[in-house]
Protein backbone atom coordinates (compact mmCIF):
# COMPACT_ATOMS: atom_id res chain seq x y z
CA PRO A 1 237.35 198.95 -149.98
CA PRO A 2 238.24 202.44 -151.24
CA SER A 3 241.83 203.48 -151.14
CA PRO A 4 242.81 205.90 -148.42
CA VAL A 5 243.31 209.52 -149.29
CA PRO A 6 246.73 210.92 -148.39
CA GLY A 7 246.58 213.00 -145.25
CA LYS A 8 243.18 211.64 -144.21
CA CYS A 9 242.29 208.88 -141.81
CA PRO A 10 239.83 206.14 -142.69
CA SER A 11 236.51 205.92 -141.05
CA LYS A 12 235.87 203.80 -137.99
CA ARG A 13 234.16 201.21 -140.12
CA GLN A 14 237.12 200.86 -142.43
CA ALA A 15 239.56 200.69 -139.52
CA GLN A 16 237.66 197.79 -137.97
CA HIS A 17 237.50 195.78 -141.23
CA PRO A 18 239.81 192.76 -140.90
CA ASN A 19 240.97 192.90 -144.54
CA SER A 20 241.37 196.62 -144.67
CA ARG A 21 244.88 197.90 -145.17
CA ASN A 22 243.86 201.27 -143.81
CA SER A 23 243.61 199.73 -140.35
CA LEU A 24 247.32 198.99 -140.51
CA ASN A 25 248.71 201.68 -142.83
CA CYS A 26 247.34 204.88 -141.43
CA THR A 27 249.52 207.61 -142.84
CA SER A 28 250.86 210.51 -140.94
CA PRO A 29 250.75 214.14 -142.18
CA LEU A 30 254.16 213.53 -143.76
CA ASP A 31 252.82 210.60 -145.84
CA THR A 32 255.20 208.23 -144.08
CA PRO A 33 254.07 204.68 -143.29
CA ARG A 34 253.56 204.14 -139.58
CA SER A 35 256.01 201.73 -137.97
CA SER A 36 257.08 200.70 -134.47
CA ILE A 37 259.99 203.14 -134.38
CA THR A 38 258.22 206.32 -135.55
CA PRO A 39 256.13 208.62 -133.38
CA PRO A 40 252.43 207.80 -133.28
CA SER A 41 250.13 209.36 -135.88
CA THR A 42 248.19 212.47 -135.08
CA CYS A 43 245.01 211.02 -136.56
CA ARG A 44 242.59 209.20 -134.26
CA LEU A 45 239.28 207.46 -134.61
CA PRO A 46 236.01 208.95 -133.46
CA GLY A 47 235.72 208.58 -129.68
CA GLN A 48 239.45 207.91 -129.25
CA LEU A 49 241.26 210.02 -126.68
CA GLU A 50 244.31 212.05 -127.44
CA PRO A 51 247.46 209.92 -127.26
CA SER A 52 249.64 210.51 -124.23
CA HIS A 53 253.36 209.95 -123.87
CA THR A 54 252.98 208.80 -120.25
CA LEU A 55 253.10 205.05 -119.80
CA HIS A 56 250.24 203.66 -117.71
CA VAL A 57 251.14 200.01 -117.99
CA GLU A 58 252.05 199.49 -114.35
CA SER A 59 248.72 200.76 -113.04
CA ARG A 60 246.77 198.39 -115.29
CA ILE A 61 248.90 195.42 -114.24
CA THR A 62 248.73 196.07 -110.55
CA GLN A 63 244.92 196.15 -110.77
CA SER A 64 244.83 192.58 -112.06
CA PRO A 65 243.36 190.37 -109.31
CA THR A 66 244.80 187.13 -110.68
CA MET A 67 248.40 188.17 -111.17
CA PRO A 68 250.61 187.97 -108.05
CA PRO A 69 252.86 190.96 -107.19
CA ALA A 70 256.03 188.95 -107.83
CA ALA A 71 254.95 188.21 -111.42
CA GLN A 72 254.10 191.81 -112.27
CA LEU A 73 257.69 193.05 -112.42
CA PRO A 74 258.83 190.98 -115.47
CA VAL A 75 255.66 191.90 -117.37
CA THR A 76 256.12 195.56 -116.56
CA MET A 77 259.70 195.52 -117.75
CA PHE A 78 258.73 193.71 -120.97
CA LEU A 79 255.96 196.14 -121.78
CA ALA A 80 258.16 199.10 -120.94
CA ALA A 81 260.88 197.89 -123.28
CA SER A 82 258.40 197.31 -126.13
CA ARG A 83 256.89 200.81 -126.05
CA PRO A 84 258.75 203.75 -127.61
CA ALA A 85 257.06 206.15 -125.21
CA ALA A 86 258.84 204.49 -122.26
CA ARG A 87 262.10 206.10 -123.35
CA ASN A 88 260.89 209.47 -122.15
CA SER A 89 259.89 208.08 -118.74
CA SER A 90 262.65 205.51 -118.24
CA ALA A 91 263.96 207.18 -115.09
CA VAL A 92 260.49 207.23 -113.54
CA LEU A 93 259.92 203.60 -114.46
CA VAL A 94 263.25 202.51 -113.02
CA ASN A 95 262.49 204.30 -109.77
CA ARG A 96 259.11 202.61 -109.58
CA LEU A 97 260.62 199.20 -110.23
CA MET A 98 263.28 199.72 -107.58
CA ALA A 99 260.66 200.88 -105.09
CA ALA A 100 258.47 197.87 -105.84
CA ASN A 101 261.46 195.56 -105.50
CA ALA A 102 262.46 197.10 -102.18
CA VAL A 103 259.10 196.26 -100.55
CA ARG A 104 258.54 192.52 -100.64
CA ASN A 105 255.83 190.29 -99.26
CA TYR A 106 258.17 187.85 -97.49
CA ALA A 107 260.73 188.01 -94.70
CA THR A 108 263.91 188.02 -96.79
CA PRO A 109 265.32 191.56 -96.78
CA ALA A 110 266.15 193.21 -100.06
CA GLY A 111 269.53 194.57 -100.96
CA PRO A 112 272.93 194.00 -99.39
CA PRO A 113 273.25 193.44 -95.63
CA PRO A 114 273.96 196.42 -93.41
CA THR A 115 277.46 197.39 -92.41
CA ASN A 116 279.18 194.98 -90.01
CA PHE A 117 276.21 192.60 -90.18
CA ARG A 118 277.29 189.36 -88.45
CA GLN A 119 280.87 190.41 -88.85
CA LYS A 120 283.48 191.09 -86.24
CA ARG A 121 284.07 194.75 -85.69
CA PHE A 122 287.37 196.20 -86.65
CA GLU A 123 289.49 196.53 -83.56
CA THR A 124 292.53 198.70 -83.20
CA TRP A 125 295.46 198.07 -80.90
CA ASP A 126 295.76 200.28 -77.87
CA GLU A 127 299.41 200.80 -78.68
CA ASP A 128 298.43 202.73 -81.77
CA LYS A 129 296.58 205.28 -79.63
CA GLU A 130 299.35 205.54 -77.06
CA SER A 131 301.65 208.50 -77.29
CA THR A 132 305.42 208.26 -77.67
CA LEU A 133 306.05 209.69 -74.18
CA ASN A 134 303.93 206.97 -72.59
CA LYS A 135 305.81 204.32 -74.53
CA MET A 136 309.15 205.75 -73.41
CA GLY A 137 308.00 205.97 -69.79
CA ARG A 138 306.82 202.40 -69.84
CA PHE A 139 310.09 201.21 -71.34
CA PHE A 140 312.61 203.25 -69.31
CA LEU A 141 310.75 203.81 -66.02
CA LEU A 142 309.40 200.22 -65.80
CA SER A 143 305.86 201.39 -65.06
CA GLU A 144 304.37 197.96 -65.73
CA MET A 145 306.72 196.31 -63.26
CA ALA A 146 305.82 198.89 -60.61
CA ARG A 147 302.15 198.24 -61.24
CA GLY A 148 302.66 194.50 -60.76
CA MET A 149 304.55 195.07 -57.51
CA TYR A 150 301.70 197.26 -56.26
CA VAL A 151 299.19 194.48 -56.85
CA LEU A 152 301.49 192.02 -55.07
CA MET A 153 301.88 194.23 -52.01
CA GLU A 154 298.13 194.87 -51.91
CA GLN A 155 297.41 191.15 -51.76
CA PHE A 156 300.19 190.66 -49.20
CA PHE A 157 298.46 192.83 -46.58
CA ARG A 158 294.96 191.52 -47.22
CA PRO A 159 293.52 188.68 -45.08
CA PRO A 160 293.81 185.26 -46.74
CA TYR A 161 290.88 183.69 -48.52
CA THR A 162 291.77 180.11 -47.52
CA ILE A 163 291.25 178.29 -44.22
CA TYR A 164 293.45 175.72 -42.51
CA TYR A 165 291.32 172.62 -42.93
CA PRO A 166 290.74 170.43 -40.88
CA PHE A 167 291.66 172.76 -38.01
CA GLU A 168 289.35 175.42 -39.46
CA LYS A 169 286.03 174.61 -41.10
CA GLY A 170 283.64 176.75 -43.04
CA PRO A 171 279.91 177.12 -42.42
CA ILE A 172 277.59 174.27 -43.42
CA SER A 173 274.01 174.63 -44.59
CA PRO A 174 271.25 173.21 -42.33
CA ARG A 175 270.20 171.08 -45.28
CA PHE A 176 273.60 169.48 -45.71
CA ARG A 177 273.27 165.73 -46.33
CA GLY A 178 276.07 163.74 -44.76
CA GLU A 179 276.37 160.55 -42.73
CA HIS A 180 273.12 158.82 -41.78
CA ALA A 181 271.88 158.48 -38.20
CA LEU A 182 268.89 157.13 -36.25
CA ARG A 183 267.50 159.44 -33.58
CA ARG A 184 265.87 158.78 -30.21
CA TYR A 185 263.30 160.57 -28.12
CA PRO A 186 264.52 162.51 -25.07
CA SER A 187 263.34 159.56 -22.98
CA GLY A 188 265.72 157.26 -24.85
CA GLU A 189 263.04 155.46 -26.85
CA GLU A 190 263.73 154.84 -30.53
CA ARG A 191 261.84 157.05 -32.94
CA CYS A 192 261.62 154.55 -35.77
CA ILE A 193 258.19 152.88 -36.04
CA ALA A 194 259.14 150.48 -38.88
CA CYS A 195 256.75 152.02 -41.42
CA LYS A 196 259.30 151.21 -44.13
CA LEU A 197 258.59 154.38 -46.09
CA CYS A 198 262.30 155.12 -46.32
CA GLU A 199 262.96 151.64 -47.68
CA ALA A 200 260.23 152.04 -50.29
CA ILE A 201 261.29 155.48 -51.47
CA CYS A 202 265.04 154.84 -51.63
CA PRO A 203 265.97 155.02 -55.35
CA ALA A 204 269.21 153.10 -54.81
CA GLN A 205 267.56 150.35 -52.71
CA ALA A 206 270.24 150.79 -50.07
CA ILE A 207 267.95 150.40 -47.02
CA THR A 208 266.81 147.07 -45.56
CA ILE A 209 264.34 146.97 -42.66
CA GLU A 210 262.88 144.10 -40.63
CA ALA A 211 260.28 144.61 -37.89
CA GLU A 212 258.38 142.69 -35.25
CA GLU A 213 255.64 143.33 -32.75
CA ARG A 214 256.56 143.93 -29.16
CA ALA A 215 254.73 142.82 -26.04
CA ASP A 216 252.90 146.11 -25.73
CA GLY A 217 251.59 145.83 -29.28
CA SER A 218 253.89 148.46 -30.78
CA ARG A 219 255.96 147.84 -33.86
CA ARG A 220 259.69 148.38 -33.73
CA THR A 221 262.60 147.52 -35.98
CA THR A 222 264.81 144.55 -35.39
CA ARG A 223 267.05 145.26 -38.37
CA TYR A 224 267.92 148.54 -40.02
CA ASP A 225 270.78 148.30 -42.52
CA ILE A 226 272.06 150.95 -44.93
CA ASP A 227 274.60 150.20 -47.63
CA MET A 228 276.54 153.46 -47.75
CA THR A 229 278.28 152.37 -50.95
CA LYS A 230 274.91 152.48 -52.75
CA CYS A 231 273.54 155.63 -51.15
CA ILE A 232 273.28 158.64 -53.46
CA TYR A 233 272.50 161.10 -50.62
CA CYS A 234 269.26 162.30 -52.16
CA GLY A 235 267.60 162.83 -48.77
CA PHE A 236 264.36 161.06 -49.70
CA CYS A 237 264.53 158.85 -46.61
CA GLN A 238 264.71 161.88 -44.34
CA GLU A 239 261.87 163.63 -46.19
CA SER A 240 259.54 160.63 -46.04
CA CYS A 241 260.07 159.77 -42.37
CA PRO A 242 256.97 160.84 -40.36
CA VAL A 243 258.77 160.92 -36.98
CA ASP A 244 262.19 162.32 -38.00
CA ALA A 245 263.89 159.05 -37.11
CA ILE A 246 266.30 158.65 -40.02
CA VAL A 247 268.27 161.82 -40.77
CA GLU A 248 271.47 162.81 -42.49
CA SER A 249 273.92 164.43 -40.13
CA PRO A 250 276.31 167.30 -40.96
CA ASN A 251 279.23 164.88 -40.67
CA ALA A 252 281.15 164.45 -43.92
CA GLU A 253 284.31 162.86 -42.50
CA TYR A 254 283.63 159.15 -42.31
CA ALA A 255 286.12 157.69 -44.75
CA THR A 256 287.06 154.05 -44.13
CA GLU A 257 289.80 151.69 -45.18
CA THR A 258 287.56 148.74 -46.06
CA ARG A 259 284.24 148.39 -47.82
CA GLU A 260 282.68 146.40 -44.99
CA GLU A 261 282.91 149.40 -42.67
CA LEU A 262 280.45 151.27 -44.90
CA LEU A 263 277.71 148.68 -44.33
CA TYR A 264 275.86 150.35 -41.45
CA ASN A 265 273.57 148.38 -39.14
CA LYS A 266 271.08 149.56 -36.54
CA GLU A 267 273.64 149.87 -33.74
CA LYS A 268 275.95 152.00 -35.89
CA LEU A 269 273.11 154.31 -36.90
CA LEU A 270 271.90 154.72 -33.32
CA SER A 271 275.42 155.56 -32.15
CA ASN A 272 275.67 158.23 -34.87
CA GLY A 273 272.38 159.68 -33.67
CA ASP A 274 273.54 159.81 -30.05
CA LYS A 275 276.78 161.50 -31.15
CA TRP A 276 275.22 164.19 -33.36
CA GLU A 277 271.91 164.74 -31.54
CA PRO A 278 272.57 168.41 -30.53
CA GLU A 279 273.58 169.36 -34.07
CA LEU A 280 270.70 167.36 -35.56
CA ALA A 281 268.12 169.03 -33.33
CA ALA A 282 269.53 172.48 -34.17
CA VAL A 283 269.44 172.01 -37.95
CA ILE A 284 265.94 170.53 -37.82
CA ARG A 285 264.68 173.55 -35.88
CA ALA A 286 266.43 175.93 -38.30
CA ASP A 287 264.86 174.26 -41.33
CA ALA A 288 261.39 173.76 -39.81
CA PRO A 289 259.90 177.13 -41.02
CA TYR A 290 260.65 176.17 -44.63
CA ARG A 291 258.90 172.79 -44.53
């Protein structure tokens, strides 16, 4: 190929020739060989646009559909460092990189945590804010002792919060579950029909029932035992009874000295029902609207 003329650029055909030196050694107007550290040559090929000092690497990379956003930052930094024109726009490029790094596609926040994030706030002592006169008044005039005596005298003239049990007793809920009892009808007839629903539903298996048929064909219990040492006072027996025969009375004072006294039979349960019948009827009527 012909040798290049100083000050002139080769043709487009010579620049595209693979063995042409003119494609690599295009001289500038100062006849200085072009290198990576010198400004670009003023000569350009036909159809080539005027060189610009603005770096447009980031826009071309971000338009790539196959490159993820996280992988674009290292490539942008590498290309920016390898171009001499990036020196003039380094501040703009750094701002763009920082802005791109600030907005991420995942939940982890960027940058340091905010002030007092998951940290205990700095607390100051109240004594540091207190004036010297207040400190002297508290020390010499015993203001804290007077304040304590005021609280003591205030509680002294107030009515007490306690009661003198067992001479005084507090209110009891209608749904209180205490000692068991068997009820009767106003005529004196036993309510229990020996359906054994209470025995079946008892989770502690503390109830034992035996029944027989009477002369009139009705079914009545011959044995009704409750082991009070097994009872958990869940109230299932009272809830399952269709005739309100077995109930739990408001009595909570039935402590005994021996274990055998807590094995209740039918006679014991009927006597409890006769004793607490007025209270039992009252609590059943009070709780009836909620059932």
